[in-house]
N, C-alpha and C. Protein backbone atom coordinates (compact mmCIF):
# COMPACT_ATOMS: atom_id res chain seq x y z
N UNK A 1 -20.36 30.52 19.80
CA UNK A 1 -20.37 31.90 19.29
C UNK A 1 -21.08 31.94 17.94
N UNK A 2 -21.83 33.01 17.71
CA UNK A 2 -22.51 33.20 16.44
C UNK A 2 -21.78 34.28 15.66
N UNK A 3 -21.44 33.98 14.41
CA UNK A 3 -20.76 34.97 13.59
C UNK A 3 -21.66 36.18 13.39
N UNK A 4 -21.06 37.36 13.43
CA UNK A 4 -21.83 38.59 13.26
C UNK A 4 -21.03 39.55 12.39
N UNK A 5 -21.71 40.50 11.74
CA UNK A 5 -20.99 41.45 10.89
C UNK A 5 -19.87 42.14 11.65
N UNK A 6 -18.74 42.28 11.01
CA UNK A 6 -17.59 42.89 11.67
C UNK A 6 -17.64 44.39 11.49
N UNK A 7 -17.09 45.14 12.45
CA UNK A 7 -17.04 46.61 12.30
C UNK A 7 -16.04 47.00 11.24
N UNK A 8 -16.08 48.26 10.85
CA UNK A 8 -15.13 48.76 9.87
C UNK A 8 -13.73 48.82 10.44
N UNK A 9 -12.78 49.23 9.62
CA UNK A 9 -11.39 49.31 10.08
C UNK A 9 -10.57 48.17 9.51
N UNK A 10 -9.88 47.50 10.38
CA UNK A 10 -8.99 46.41 9.94
C UNK A 10 -9.82 45.17 9.68
N UNK A 11 -10.38 45.05 8.50
CA UNK A 11 -11.35 44.00 8.20
C UNK A 11 -10.77 42.61 8.33
N UNK A 12 -9.60 42.37 7.76
CA UNK A 12 -9.03 41.03 7.79
C UNK A 12 -8.77 40.59 9.23
N UNK A 13 -8.23 41.49 10.06
CA UNK A 13 -7.98 41.15 11.46
C UNK A 13 -9.28 40.84 12.19
N UNK A 14 -10.32 41.60 11.89
CA UNK A 14 -11.61 41.36 12.54
C UNK A 14 -12.19 40.02 12.12
N UNK A 15 -12.07 39.69 10.84
CA UNK A 15 -12.54 38.39 10.36
C UNK A 15 -11.74 37.27 11.02
N UNK A 16 -10.42 37.44 11.06
CA UNK A 16 -9.57 36.43 11.67
C UNK A 16 -9.96 36.20 13.13
N UNK A 17 -10.24 37.29 13.86
CA UNK A 17 -10.63 37.16 15.26
C UNK A 17 -11.90 36.32 15.41
N UNK A 18 -12.87 36.55 14.54
CA UNK A 18 -14.12 35.81 14.65
C UNK A 18 -13.93 34.34 14.27
N UNK A 19 -13.15 34.08 13.23
CA UNK A 19 -12.91 32.69 12.84
C UNK A 19 -12.16 31.94 13.94
N UNK A 20 -11.15 32.59 14.51
CA UNK A 20 -10.40 31.96 15.60
C UNK A 20 -11.31 31.70 16.80
N UNK A 21 -12.21 32.62 17.09
CA UNK A 21 -13.13 32.44 18.22
C UNK A 21 -14.03 31.24 18.00
N UNK A 22 -14.49 31.02 16.75
CA UNK A 22 -15.34 29.86 16.46
C UNK A 22 -14.60 28.56 16.77
N UNK A 23 -13.29 28.57 16.52
CA UNK A 23 -12.48 27.38 16.79
C UNK A 23 -12.20 27.25 18.29
N UNK A 24 -11.79 28.35 18.91
CA UNK A 24 -11.37 28.30 20.31
C UNK A 24 -12.51 27.93 21.25
N UNK A 25 -13.74 28.39 20.94
CA UNK A 25 -14.84 28.07 21.86
C UNK A 25 -15.52 26.75 21.53
N UNK A 26 -15.03 26.04 20.51
CA UNK A 26 -15.55 24.71 20.22
C UNK A 26 -16.73 24.68 19.27
N UNK A 27 -17.15 25.85 18.76
CA UNK A 27 -18.24 25.85 17.78
C UNK A 27 -17.81 25.03 16.55
N UNK A 28 -16.59 25.27 16.11
CA UNK A 28 -15.98 24.44 15.07
C UNK A 28 -14.92 23.57 15.74
N UNK A 29 -15.11 22.28 15.70
CA UNK A 29 -14.19 21.36 16.37
C UNK A 29 -13.14 20.84 15.39
N UNK A 30 -12.06 20.31 15.94
CA UNK A 30 -11.00 19.73 15.11
C UNK A 30 -11.60 18.65 14.21
N UNK A 31 -11.33 18.76 12.93
CA UNK A 31 -11.88 17.83 11.95
C UNK A 31 -13.12 18.32 11.25
N UNK A 32 -13.76 19.38 11.79
CA UNK A 32 -14.96 19.92 11.16
C UNK A 32 -14.59 20.70 9.90
N UNK A 33 -15.49 20.65 8.95
CA UNK A 33 -15.38 21.50 7.77
C UNK A 33 -16.10 22.81 8.05
N UNK A 34 -15.42 23.94 7.86
CA UNK A 34 -16.03 25.23 8.15
C UNK A 34 -16.85 25.69 6.95
N UNK A 35 -17.74 26.67 7.13
CA UNK A 35 -18.52 27.18 5.99
C UNK A 35 -17.61 27.72 4.89
N UNK A 36 -18.15 27.78 3.69
CA UNK A 36 -17.39 28.28 2.55
C UNK A 36 -17.18 29.78 2.60
N UNK A 37 -16.31 30.26 1.73
CA UNK A 37 -15.96 31.68 1.73
C UNK A 37 -17.18 32.57 1.48
N UNK A 38 -18.03 32.19 0.53
CA UNK A 38 -19.19 33.03 0.22
C UNK A 38 -20.13 33.12 1.42
N UNK A 39 -20.36 31.98 2.08
CA UNK A 39 -21.22 31.95 3.26
C UNK A 39 -20.64 32.82 4.37
N UNK A 40 -19.36 32.68 4.63
CA UNK A 40 -18.72 33.45 5.69
C UNK A 40 -18.75 34.94 5.36
N UNK A 41 -18.48 35.28 4.11
CA UNK A 41 -18.49 36.69 3.71
C UNK A 41 -19.87 37.31 3.94
N UNK A 42 -20.92 36.55 3.63
CA UNK A 42 -22.28 37.06 3.82
C UNK A 42 -22.60 37.24 5.30
N UNK A 43 -22.21 36.28 6.11
CA UNK A 43 -22.49 36.37 7.55
C UNK A 43 -21.73 37.51 8.22
N UNK A 44 -20.50 37.73 7.77
CA UNK A 44 -19.66 38.73 8.40
C UNK A 44 -19.79 40.11 7.77
N UNK A 45 -20.45 40.19 6.62
CA UNK A 45 -20.63 41.47 5.96
C UNK A 45 -19.35 42.04 5.41
N UNK A 46 -18.49 41.16 4.89
CA UNK A 46 -17.21 41.60 4.34
C UNK A 46 -17.04 40.99 2.95
N UNK A 47 -15.97 41.38 2.29
CA UNK A 47 -15.70 40.85 0.96
C UNK A 47 -15.14 39.43 1.05
N UNK A 48 -15.28 38.70 -0.02
CA UNK A 48 -14.72 37.35 -0.07
C UNK A 48 -13.19 37.37 0.04
N UNK A 49 -12.47 38.32 -0.60
CA UNK A 49 -11.01 38.35 -0.41
C UNK A 49 -10.59 38.53 1.04
N UNK A 50 -11.36 39.29 1.83
CA UNK A 50 -11.02 39.46 3.25
C UNK A 50 -11.13 38.13 3.99
N UNK A 51 -12.16 37.37 3.67
CA UNK A 51 -12.32 36.03 4.27
C UNK A 51 -11.19 35.13 3.84
N UNK A 52 -10.87 35.17 2.55
CA UNK A 52 -9.81 34.30 2.01
C UNK A 52 -8.48 34.60 2.69
N UNK A 53 -8.19 35.89 2.90
CA UNK A 53 -6.92 36.27 3.53
C UNK A 53 -6.87 35.80 4.99
N UNK A 54 -7.98 35.90 5.70
CA UNK A 54 -8.02 35.45 7.09
C UNK A 54 -7.84 33.93 7.16
N UNK A 55 -8.48 33.20 6.26
CA UNK A 55 -8.33 31.75 6.22
C UNK A 55 -6.89 31.38 5.89
N UNK A 56 -6.30 32.11 4.94
CA UNK A 56 -4.90 31.84 4.58
C UNK A 56 -3.99 32.03 5.79
N UNK A 57 -4.23 33.09 6.56
CA UNK A 57 -3.40 33.35 7.74
C UNK A 57 -3.54 32.24 8.78
N UNK A 58 -4.76 31.79 9.02
CA UNK A 58 -4.97 30.72 10.00
C UNK A 58 -4.46 29.39 9.48
N UNK A 59 -4.46 29.21 8.19
CA UNK A 59 -3.87 28.01 7.61
C UNK A 59 -2.36 28.01 7.77
N UNK A 60 -1.76 29.18 7.60
CA UNK A 60 -0.30 29.31 7.69
C UNK A 60 0.20 28.93 9.08
N UNK A 61 -0.57 29.24 10.12
CA UNK A 61 -0.13 28.93 11.49
C UNK A 61 -0.71 27.61 12.00
N UNK A 62 -1.36 26.84 11.13
CA UNK A 62 -1.76 25.49 11.49
C UNK A 62 -3.11 25.33 12.13
N UNK A 63 -3.92 26.41 12.18
CA UNK A 63 -5.26 26.29 12.77
C UNK A 63 -6.23 25.66 11.78
N UNK A 64 -6.15 26.06 10.52
CA UNK A 64 -7.03 25.54 9.48
C UNK A 64 -6.23 24.77 8.44
N UNK A 65 -6.90 23.88 7.75
CA UNK A 65 -6.29 23.08 6.69
C UNK A 65 -7.12 23.25 5.43
N UNK A 66 -6.57 23.95 4.45
CA UNK A 66 -7.28 24.21 3.20
C UNK A 66 -7.01 23.05 2.24
N UNK A 67 -8.05 22.34 1.86
CA UNK A 67 -7.92 21.20 0.96
C UNK A 67 -8.56 21.57 -0.38
N UNK A 68 -7.71 21.71 -1.36
CA UNK A 68 -8.17 22.15 -2.68
C UNK A 68 -9.25 21.21 -3.22
N UNK A 69 -10.37 21.80 -3.62
CA UNK A 69 -11.46 21.04 -4.19
C UNK A 69 -12.34 20.36 -3.16
N UNK A 70 -12.03 20.51 -1.87
CA UNK A 70 -12.79 19.83 -0.82
C UNK A 70 -13.35 20.80 0.21
N UNK A 71 -12.58 21.80 0.57
CA UNK A 71 -13.02 22.75 1.58
C UNK A 71 -11.94 23.03 2.60
N UNK A 72 -12.32 23.73 3.65
CA UNK A 72 -11.38 24.09 4.71
C UNK A 72 -11.81 23.42 6.01
N UNK A 73 -10.86 22.78 6.67
CA UNK A 73 -11.14 22.02 7.88
C UNK A 73 -10.34 22.56 9.07
N UNK A 74 -10.87 22.34 10.26
CA UNK A 74 -10.18 22.74 11.47
C UNK A 74 -9.08 21.72 11.76
N UNK A 75 -7.88 22.24 11.91
CA UNK A 75 -6.73 21.37 12.17
C UNK A 75 -6.30 21.40 13.63
N UNK A 76 -6.44 22.56 14.27
CA UNK A 76 -6.03 22.71 15.67
C UNK A 76 -6.93 23.72 16.35
N UNK A 77 -7.21 23.49 17.64
CA UNK A 77 -8.03 24.42 18.40
C UNK A 77 -7.20 25.46 19.13
N UNK A 78 -5.88 25.36 19.05
CA UNK A 78 -5.01 26.30 19.75
C UNK A 78 -5.07 27.68 19.10
N UNK A 79 -4.94 28.70 19.92
CA UNK A 79 -4.89 30.07 19.42
C UNK A 79 -3.43 30.48 19.36
N UNK A 80 -2.84 30.62 18.16
CA UNK A 80 -1.41 30.91 18.05
C UNK A 80 -1.05 32.38 18.20
N UNK A 81 -2.04 33.26 18.29
CA UNK A 81 -1.73 34.68 18.23
C UNK A 81 -0.88 35.19 19.40
N UNK A 82 -1.13 34.76 20.65
CA UNK A 82 -0.22 35.23 21.72
C UNK A 82 1.22 34.80 21.48
N UNK A 83 1.41 33.56 21.01
CA UNK A 83 2.77 33.10 20.73
C UNK A 83 3.37 33.88 19.58
N UNK A 84 2.58 34.16 18.54
CA UNK A 84 3.08 34.93 17.42
C UNK A 84 3.55 36.31 17.86
N UNK A 85 2.80 36.93 18.76
CA UNK A 85 3.18 38.25 19.25
C UNK A 85 4.48 38.18 20.04
N UNK A 86 4.63 37.15 20.88
CA UNK A 86 5.86 37.02 21.67
C UNK A 86 7.05 36.76 20.76
N UNK A 87 6.87 35.89 19.77
CA UNK A 87 7.97 35.60 18.84
C UNK A 87 8.35 36.85 18.07
N UNK A 88 7.33 37.61 17.66
CA UNK A 88 7.60 38.82 16.91
C UNK A 88 8.39 39.86 17.69
N UNK A 89 8.28 39.84 19.03
CA UNK A 89 8.98 40.82 19.84
C UNK A 89 10.21 40.23 20.54
N UNK A 90 10.58 39.02 20.17
CA UNK A 90 11.73 38.37 20.80
C UNK A 90 13.03 39.06 20.42
N UNK A 91 14.01 39.03 21.32
CA UNK A 91 15.33 39.56 21.01
C UNK A 91 16.10 38.54 20.18
N UNK A 92 17.20 38.98 19.60
CA UNK A 92 18.06 38.05 18.86
C UNK A 92 18.57 36.94 19.78
N UNK A 93 18.89 37.28 21.01
CA UNK A 93 19.35 36.25 21.93
C UNK A 93 18.26 35.21 22.17
N UNK A 94 17.02 35.65 22.35
CA UNK A 94 15.91 34.72 22.55
C UNK A 94 15.81 33.74 21.37
N UNK A 95 15.90 34.29 20.17
CA UNK A 95 15.76 33.47 18.97
C UNK A 95 16.86 32.43 18.89
N UNK A 96 18.10 32.84 19.13
CA UNK A 96 19.21 31.91 18.99
C UNK A 96 19.25 30.88 20.12
N UNK A 97 18.73 31.22 21.28
CA UNK A 97 18.63 30.22 22.35
C UNK A 97 17.66 29.10 21.96
N UNK A 98 16.54 29.48 21.38
CA UNK A 98 15.58 28.46 20.93
C UNK A 98 16.15 27.67 19.76
N UNK A 99 16.81 28.38 18.84
CA UNK A 99 17.38 27.70 17.68
C UNK A 99 18.44 26.70 18.08
N UNK A 100 19.21 26.99 19.12
CA UNK A 100 20.22 26.05 19.60
C UNK A 100 19.56 24.73 20.01
N UNK A 101 18.45 24.82 20.74
CA UNK A 101 17.75 23.61 21.17
C UNK A 101 17.21 22.83 19.96
N UNK A 102 16.60 23.54 19.03
CA UNK A 102 16.07 22.89 17.83
C UNK A 102 17.18 22.19 17.04
N UNK A 103 18.25 22.94 16.79
CA UNK A 103 19.29 22.45 15.88
C UNK A 103 20.03 21.24 16.43
N UNK A 104 20.34 21.26 17.71
CA UNK A 104 21.08 20.14 18.30
C UNK A 104 20.28 18.86 18.22
N UNK A 105 19.01 18.91 18.63
CA UNK A 105 18.19 17.69 18.58
C UNK A 105 17.91 17.28 17.14
N UNK A 106 17.67 18.24 16.27
CA UNK A 106 17.38 17.92 14.87
C UNK A 106 18.57 17.25 14.21
N UNK A 107 19.77 17.78 14.44
CA UNK A 107 20.97 17.19 13.84
C UNK A 107 21.19 15.77 14.34
N UNK A 108 20.98 15.56 15.63
CA UNK A 108 21.15 14.22 16.20
C UNK A 108 20.19 13.22 15.53
N UNK A 109 18.93 13.61 15.42
CA UNK A 109 17.94 12.71 14.82
C UNK A 109 18.16 12.54 13.32
N UNK A 110 18.56 13.62 12.66
CA UNK A 110 18.80 13.54 11.21
C UNK A 110 19.92 12.56 10.90
N UNK A 111 20.96 12.50 11.75
CA UNK A 111 22.05 11.56 11.52
C UNK A 111 21.57 10.11 11.61
N UNK A 112 20.53 9.89 12.39
CA UNK A 112 20.01 8.54 12.57
C UNK A 112 18.98 8.16 11.51
N UNK A 113 18.30 9.16 10.95
CA UNK A 113 17.12 8.88 10.13
C UNK A 113 17.23 9.36 8.69
N UNK A 114 18.28 10.05 8.34
CA UNK A 114 18.37 10.67 7.03
C UNK A 114 18.40 9.61 5.93
N UNK A 115 17.97 10.04 4.74
CA UNK A 115 18.05 9.21 3.55
C UNK A 115 19.06 9.82 2.58
N UNK A 116 19.39 9.10 1.54
CA UNK A 116 20.28 9.67 0.52
C UNK A 116 19.66 10.89 -0.13
N UNK A 117 18.33 10.86 -0.29
CA UNK A 117 17.64 12.02 -0.87
C UNK A 117 17.77 13.23 0.04
N UNK A 118 17.73 13.01 1.35
CA UNK A 118 17.91 14.11 2.30
C UNK A 118 19.29 14.73 2.13
N UNK A 119 20.31 13.89 1.98
CA UNK A 119 21.67 14.39 1.82
C UNK A 119 21.80 15.22 0.55
N UNK A 120 21.19 14.74 -0.53
CA UNK A 120 21.25 15.49 -1.78
C UNK A 120 20.60 16.86 -1.62
N UNK A 121 19.46 16.89 -0.94
CA UNK A 121 18.75 18.16 -0.75
C UNK A 121 19.56 19.10 0.15
N UNK A 122 20.14 18.57 1.21
CA UNK A 122 20.94 19.39 2.11
C UNK A 122 22.18 19.96 1.41
N UNK A 123 22.75 19.19 0.51
CA UNK A 123 23.89 19.69 -0.27
C UNK A 123 23.47 20.92 -1.08
N UNK A 124 22.30 20.84 -1.71
CA UNK A 124 21.81 21.97 -2.51
C UNK A 124 21.54 23.18 -1.61
N UNK A 125 20.90 22.94 -0.46
CA UNK A 125 20.58 24.04 0.46
C UNK A 125 21.85 24.68 1.02
N UNK A 126 22.84 23.85 1.33
CA UNK A 126 24.09 24.39 1.86
C UNK A 126 24.82 25.21 0.81
N UNK A 127 24.82 24.74 -0.43
CA UNK A 127 25.46 25.49 -1.51
C UNK A 127 24.79 26.85 -1.69
N UNK A 128 23.46 26.87 -1.62
CA UNK A 128 22.72 28.14 -1.75
C UNK A 128 23.04 29.06 -0.58
N UNK A 129 23.18 28.48 0.60
CA UNK A 129 23.51 29.27 1.79
C UNK A 129 24.89 29.90 1.64
N UNK A 130 25.84 29.12 1.19
CA UNK A 130 27.22 29.61 1.07
C UNK A 130 27.35 30.65 -0.04
N UNK A 131 26.49 30.56 -1.06
CA UNK A 131 26.59 31.48 -2.19
C UNK A 131 25.87 32.80 -1.95
N UNK A 132 24.99 32.85 -0.94
CA UNK A 132 24.19 34.05 -0.70
C UNK A 132 25.09 35.19 -0.22
N UNK A 133 24.87 36.36 -0.77
CA UNK A 133 25.68 37.53 -0.41
C UNK A 133 24.86 38.60 0.29
N UNK A 134 23.76 39.00 -0.34
CA UNK A 134 22.92 40.06 0.22
C UNK A 134 22.27 39.56 1.51
N UNK A 135 22.10 40.45 2.50
CA UNK A 135 21.70 40.05 3.84
C UNK A 135 20.37 39.31 3.87
N UNK A 136 19.36 39.81 3.17
CA UNK A 136 18.05 39.16 3.19
C UNK A 136 18.13 37.79 2.53
N UNK A 137 18.85 37.71 1.41
CA UNK A 137 19.01 36.43 0.72
C UNK A 137 19.73 35.43 1.62
N UNK A 138 20.76 35.90 2.32
CA UNK A 138 21.50 35.03 3.22
C UNK A 138 20.61 34.52 4.35
N UNK A 139 19.83 35.41 4.96
CA UNK A 139 18.95 35.00 6.05
C UNK A 139 17.99 33.92 5.63
N UNK A 140 17.40 34.08 4.46
CA UNK A 140 16.45 33.08 3.96
C UNK A 140 17.15 31.76 3.63
N UNK A 141 18.32 31.83 2.99
CA UNK A 141 19.02 30.62 2.60
C UNK A 141 19.52 29.85 3.82
N UNK A 142 20.05 30.57 4.80
CA UNK A 142 20.53 29.91 6.01
C UNK A 142 19.38 29.25 6.76
N UNK A 143 18.25 29.95 6.87
CA UNK A 143 17.09 29.39 7.55
C UNK A 143 16.58 28.14 6.83
N UNK A 144 16.62 28.15 5.49
CA UNK A 144 16.17 26.97 4.74
C UNK A 144 17.07 25.76 5.00
N UNK A 145 18.38 26.00 5.14
CA UNK A 145 19.28 24.89 5.46
C UNK A 145 18.96 24.31 6.84
N UNK A 146 18.78 25.18 7.82
CA UNK A 146 18.44 24.71 9.16
C UNK A 146 17.12 23.93 9.15
N UNK A 147 16.14 24.44 8.41
CA UNK A 147 14.86 23.73 8.32
C UNK A 147 15.05 22.39 7.61
N UNK A 148 15.92 22.33 6.62
CA UNK A 148 16.18 21.08 5.92
C UNK A 148 16.73 20.01 6.85
N UNK A 149 17.61 20.41 7.77
CA UNK A 149 18.12 19.46 8.77
C UNK A 149 16.98 18.96 9.65
N UNK A 150 16.12 19.87 10.06
CA UNK A 150 14.97 19.49 10.90
C UNK A 150 14.07 18.51 10.16
N UNK A 151 13.81 18.78 8.89
CA UNK A 151 12.94 17.89 8.11
C UNK A 151 13.56 16.50 7.96
N UNK A 152 14.90 16.44 7.88
CA UNK A 152 15.57 15.14 7.79
C UNK A 152 15.47 14.37 9.09
N UNK A 153 15.15 15.05 10.20
CA UNK A 153 15.00 14.37 11.49
C UNK A 153 13.71 13.55 11.56
N UNK A 154 12.74 13.89 10.72
CA UNK A 154 11.49 13.14 10.62
C UNK A 154 10.73 13.03 11.95
N UNK A 155 10.68 14.14 12.64
CA UNK A 155 9.84 14.27 13.82
C UNK A 155 8.80 15.33 13.49
N UNK A 156 7.54 14.94 13.28
CA UNK A 156 6.55 15.90 12.79
C UNK A 156 6.32 17.08 13.73
N UNK A 157 6.43 16.86 15.04
CA UNK A 157 6.24 17.97 15.98
C UNK A 157 7.39 18.96 15.86
N UNK A 158 8.60 18.44 15.78
CA UNK A 158 9.78 19.30 15.63
C UNK A 158 9.73 20.06 14.31
N UNK A 159 9.30 19.38 13.26
CA UNK A 159 9.21 20.02 11.94
C UNK A 159 8.22 21.17 11.97
N UNK A 160 7.03 20.93 12.53
CA UNK A 160 6.01 21.99 12.56
C UNK A 160 6.45 23.15 13.43
N UNK A 161 7.10 22.85 14.56
CA UNK A 161 7.57 23.92 15.44
C UNK A 161 8.60 24.78 14.73
N UNK A 162 9.50 24.14 14.00
CA UNK A 162 10.54 24.88 13.30
C UNK A 162 9.96 25.65 12.13
N UNK A 163 9.01 25.10 11.42
CA UNK A 163 8.38 25.83 10.32
C UNK A 163 7.69 27.09 10.84
N UNK A 164 7.09 26.98 12.01
CA UNK A 164 6.44 28.13 12.63
C UNK A 164 7.47 29.21 12.96
N UNK A 165 8.68 28.78 13.33
CA UNK A 165 9.71 29.66 13.84
C UNK A 165 10.66 30.17 12.77
N UNK A 166 10.66 29.52 11.59
CA UNK A 166 11.74 29.73 10.63
C UNK A 166 11.76 31.15 10.06
N UNK A 167 10.62 31.80 9.91
CA UNK A 167 10.62 33.17 9.38
C UNK A 167 11.33 34.12 10.36
N UNK A 168 11.07 33.93 11.65
CA UNK A 168 11.76 34.77 12.64
C UNK A 168 13.25 34.49 12.64
N UNK A 169 13.61 33.23 12.44
CA UNK A 169 15.03 32.88 12.35
C UNK A 169 15.68 33.58 11.16
N UNK A 170 15.02 33.57 10.01
CA UNK A 170 15.57 34.23 8.83
C UNK A 170 15.79 35.71 9.06
N UNK A 171 14.83 36.37 9.73
CA UNK A 171 15.00 37.80 10.05
C UNK A 171 16.21 38.01 10.96
N UNK A 172 16.38 37.10 11.92
CA UNK A 172 17.49 37.23 12.87
C UNK A 172 18.83 37.03 12.17
N UNK A 173 18.89 36.06 11.29
CA UNK A 173 20.14 35.81 10.57
C UNK A 173 20.47 36.99 9.65
N UNK A 174 19.46 37.60 9.08
CA UNK A 174 19.69 38.80 8.27
C UNK A 174 20.29 39.90 9.14
N UNK A 175 19.76 40.07 10.35
CA UNK A 175 20.27 41.11 11.25
C UNK A 175 21.72 40.83 11.64
N UNK A 176 22.04 39.57 11.86
CA UNK A 176 23.42 39.20 12.22
C UNK A 176 24.35 39.51 11.06
N UNK A 177 23.94 39.20 9.85
CA UNK A 177 24.78 39.47 8.68
C UNK A 177 25.06 40.98 8.54
N UNK A 178 24.09 41.80 8.91
CA UNK A 178 24.25 43.25 8.79
C UNK A 178 25.09 43.84 9.93
N UNK A 179 25.17 43.13 11.06
CA UNK A 179 25.92 43.62 12.22
C UNK A 179 27.27 42.91 12.27
N UNK A 180 28.31 43.60 11.87
CA UNK A 180 29.62 42.97 11.76
C UNK A 180 30.27 42.68 13.12
N UNK A 181 29.68 43.19 14.21
CA UNK A 181 30.22 42.91 15.53
C UNK A 181 29.76 41.55 16.06
N UNK A 182 28.74 40.98 15.45
CA UNK A 182 28.21 39.69 15.88
C UNK A 182 28.69 38.62 14.90
N UNK A 183 29.40 37.60 15.38
CA UNK A 183 29.94 36.59 14.47
C UNK A 183 28.86 35.66 13.95
N UNK A 184 29.06 35.15 12.76
CA UNK A 184 28.18 34.13 12.21
C UNK A 184 29.03 32.92 11.84
N UNK A 185 28.45 31.76 11.95
CA UNK A 185 29.19 30.54 11.61
C UNK A 185 29.35 30.46 10.09
N UNK A 186 30.56 30.22 9.65
CA UNK A 186 30.83 30.18 8.23
C UNK A 186 30.56 28.83 7.60
N UNK A 187 30.93 28.67 6.34
CA UNK A 187 30.66 27.42 5.61
C UNK A 187 31.26 26.19 6.27
N UNK A 188 32.45 26.30 6.87
CA UNK A 188 33.11 25.10 7.43
C UNK A 188 32.29 24.49 8.56
N UNK A 189 31.72 25.33 9.41
CA UNK A 189 30.95 24.78 10.53
C UNK A 189 29.63 24.17 10.06
N UNK A 190 29.02 24.76 9.05
CA UNK A 190 27.80 24.16 8.50
C UNK A 190 28.14 22.86 7.76
N UNK A 191 29.26 22.83 7.08
CA UNK A 191 29.70 21.61 6.40
C UNK A 191 29.92 20.49 7.42
N UNK A 192 30.46 20.83 8.60
CA UNK A 192 30.69 19.82 9.63
C UNK A 192 29.37 19.17 10.07
N UNK A 193 28.32 19.96 10.14
CA UNK A 193 27.01 19.41 10.49
C UNK A 193 26.56 18.40 9.44
N UNK A 194 26.65 18.78 8.18
CA UNK A 194 26.21 17.91 7.10
C UNK A 194 27.08 16.66 7.02
N UNK A 195 28.38 16.81 7.22
CA UNK A 195 29.27 15.65 7.16
C UNK A 195 28.95 14.65 8.26
N UNK A 196 28.65 15.13 9.45
CA UNK A 196 28.30 14.23 10.56
C UNK A 196 26.97 13.53 10.29
N UNK A 197 26.02 14.26 9.72
CA UNK A 197 24.74 13.63 9.37
C UNK A 197 24.96 12.55 8.32
N UNK A 198 25.78 12.86 7.32
CA UNK A 198 26.07 11.88 6.27
C UNK A 198 26.74 10.63 6.84
N UNK A 199 27.59 10.80 7.85
CA UNK A 199 28.31 9.68 8.47
C UNK A 199 27.47 8.95 9.49
N UNK A 200 26.24 9.40 9.72
CA UNK A 200 25.35 8.83 10.72
C UNK A 200 25.96 8.92 12.12
N UNK A 201 26.69 9.98 12.36
CA UNK A 201 27.33 10.23 13.66
C UNK A 201 26.43 11.17 14.45
N UNK A 202 25.53 10.61 15.25
CA UNK A 202 24.54 11.42 15.94
C UNK A 202 25.18 12.38 16.94
N UNK A 203 26.12 11.89 17.74
CA UNK A 203 26.77 12.76 18.72
C UNK A 203 27.59 13.84 18.03
N UNK A 204 28.30 13.46 16.98
CA UNK A 204 29.09 14.44 16.24
C UNK A 204 28.22 15.50 15.60
N UNK A 205 27.05 15.10 15.08
CA UNK A 205 26.14 16.06 14.46
C UNK A 205 25.61 17.05 15.49
N UNK A 206 25.31 16.54 16.69
CA UNK A 206 24.81 17.41 17.76
C UNK A 206 25.87 18.43 18.17
N UNK A 207 27.11 17.97 18.31
CA UNK A 207 28.20 18.88 18.68
C UNK A 207 28.43 19.91 17.59
N UNK A 208 28.41 19.48 16.34
CA UNK A 208 28.62 20.40 15.22
C UNK A 208 27.50 21.43 15.14
N UNK A 209 26.26 21.00 15.38
CA UNK A 209 25.15 21.94 15.35
C UNK A 209 25.27 22.99 16.45
N UNK A 210 25.70 22.56 17.62
CA UNK A 210 25.90 23.51 18.71
C UNK A 210 27.00 24.51 18.37
N UNK A 211 28.04 24.03 17.70
CA UNK A 211 29.17 24.90 17.35
C UNK A 211 28.76 25.97 16.35
N UNK A 212 27.69 25.75 15.60
CA UNK A 212 27.20 26.75 14.66
C UNK A 212 26.56 27.92 15.41
N UNK A 213 25.81 27.62 16.46
CA UNK A 213 25.01 28.62 17.14
C UNK A 213 25.73 29.28 18.31
N UNK A 214 26.51 28.53 19.07
CA UNK A 214 27.02 29.01 20.35
C UNK A 214 27.90 30.27 20.26
N UNK A 215 28.81 30.42 19.28
CA UNK A 215 29.61 31.66 19.23
C UNK A 215 28.76 32.91 19.06
N UNK A 216 27.76 32.84 18.19
CA UNK A 216 26.86 33.98 18.00
C UNK A 216 26.07 34.24 19.27
N UNK A 217 25.57 33.17 19.89
CA UNK A 217 24.76 33.30 21.09
C UNK A 217 25.57 33.92 22.24
N UNK A 218 26.83 33.54 22.34
CA UNK A 218 27.67 34.08 23.42
C UNK A 218 27.81 35.60 23.29
N UNK A 219 28.02 36.08 22.08
CA UNK A 219 28.15 37.53 21.87
C UNK A 219 26.82 38.22 22.14
N UNK A 220 25.73 37.66 21.67
CA UNK A 220 24.42 38.26 21.89
C UNK A 220 24.08 38.31 23.37
N UNK A 221 24.41 37.24 24.10
CA UNK A 221 24.15 37.22 25.54
C UNK A 221 24.94 38.32 26.24
N UNK A 222 26.19 38.55 25.81
CA UNK A 222 26.99 39.61 26.38
C UNK A 222 26.41 40.98 26.11
N UNK A 223 25.91 41.18 24.90
CA UNK A 223 25.32 42.47 24.55
C UNK A 223 24.06 42.75 25.36
N UNK A 224 23.23 41.70 25.54
CA UNK A 224 22.02 41.87 26.34
C UNK A 224 22.39 42.16 27.79
N UNK A 225 23.45 41.49 28.29
CA UNK A 225 23.89 41.74 29.65
C UNK A 225 24.35 43.17 29.85
N UNK A 226 25.03 43.72 28.86
CA UNK A 226 25.45 45.12 28.94
C UNK A 226 24.26 46.06 28.97
N UNK A 227 23.27 45.76 28.14
CA UNK A 227 22.07 46.61 28.11
C UNK A 227 21.35 46.56 29.45
N UNK A 228 21.29 45.36 30.07
CA UNK A 228 20.58 45.23 31.34
C UNK A 228 21.30 46.00 32.44
N UNK A 229 22.65 45.96 32.41
CA UNK A 229 23.42 46.70 33.40
C UNK A 229 23.27 48.22 33.19
């Protein structure tokens, strides 16, 4: 594909579409350094900030890798936009079903692979989670704790998948906090996860992680079932 001036309207989206197309059709291959912002802006007939924003978006989802002082490189040829759209329209039940799978495996691996530094960090994240009061703050703090457990598992694929998903998880946890009919796991159940990880009890950590998600998921599944009926 040859880059061409983008039409008016949603400039950043149009730029993003063209950059993604260069990657998807193999014009820019994994490991290639893409043209600089000024070059791209000239070819596309847009401002440099529009190019920068499109590159930032593709970097955020793992397509591009911005290396300060070196340039921007292709990291993945996958097009994440269909998945992003599906995740964005997922129900709360969908989100918690996926989170259950992530959390159980992550807790199991974290119990086997964690370091003392991981435990110290998880203690800080759990304290922040327990102290959060406002719904948005709680959603973000809870999601950071879950991501911290995943990072302690030291599986790069699991870590990247969870990082991709964590913003949607935070939004979902915020919604749960605002809806008093849907239960959320309190500090004791999250503490049980951390205690099992600290004890290197892989099976116990997996069970504790499931106990955090399953009560909420059961209620959400019932609500979706009522809507379907």
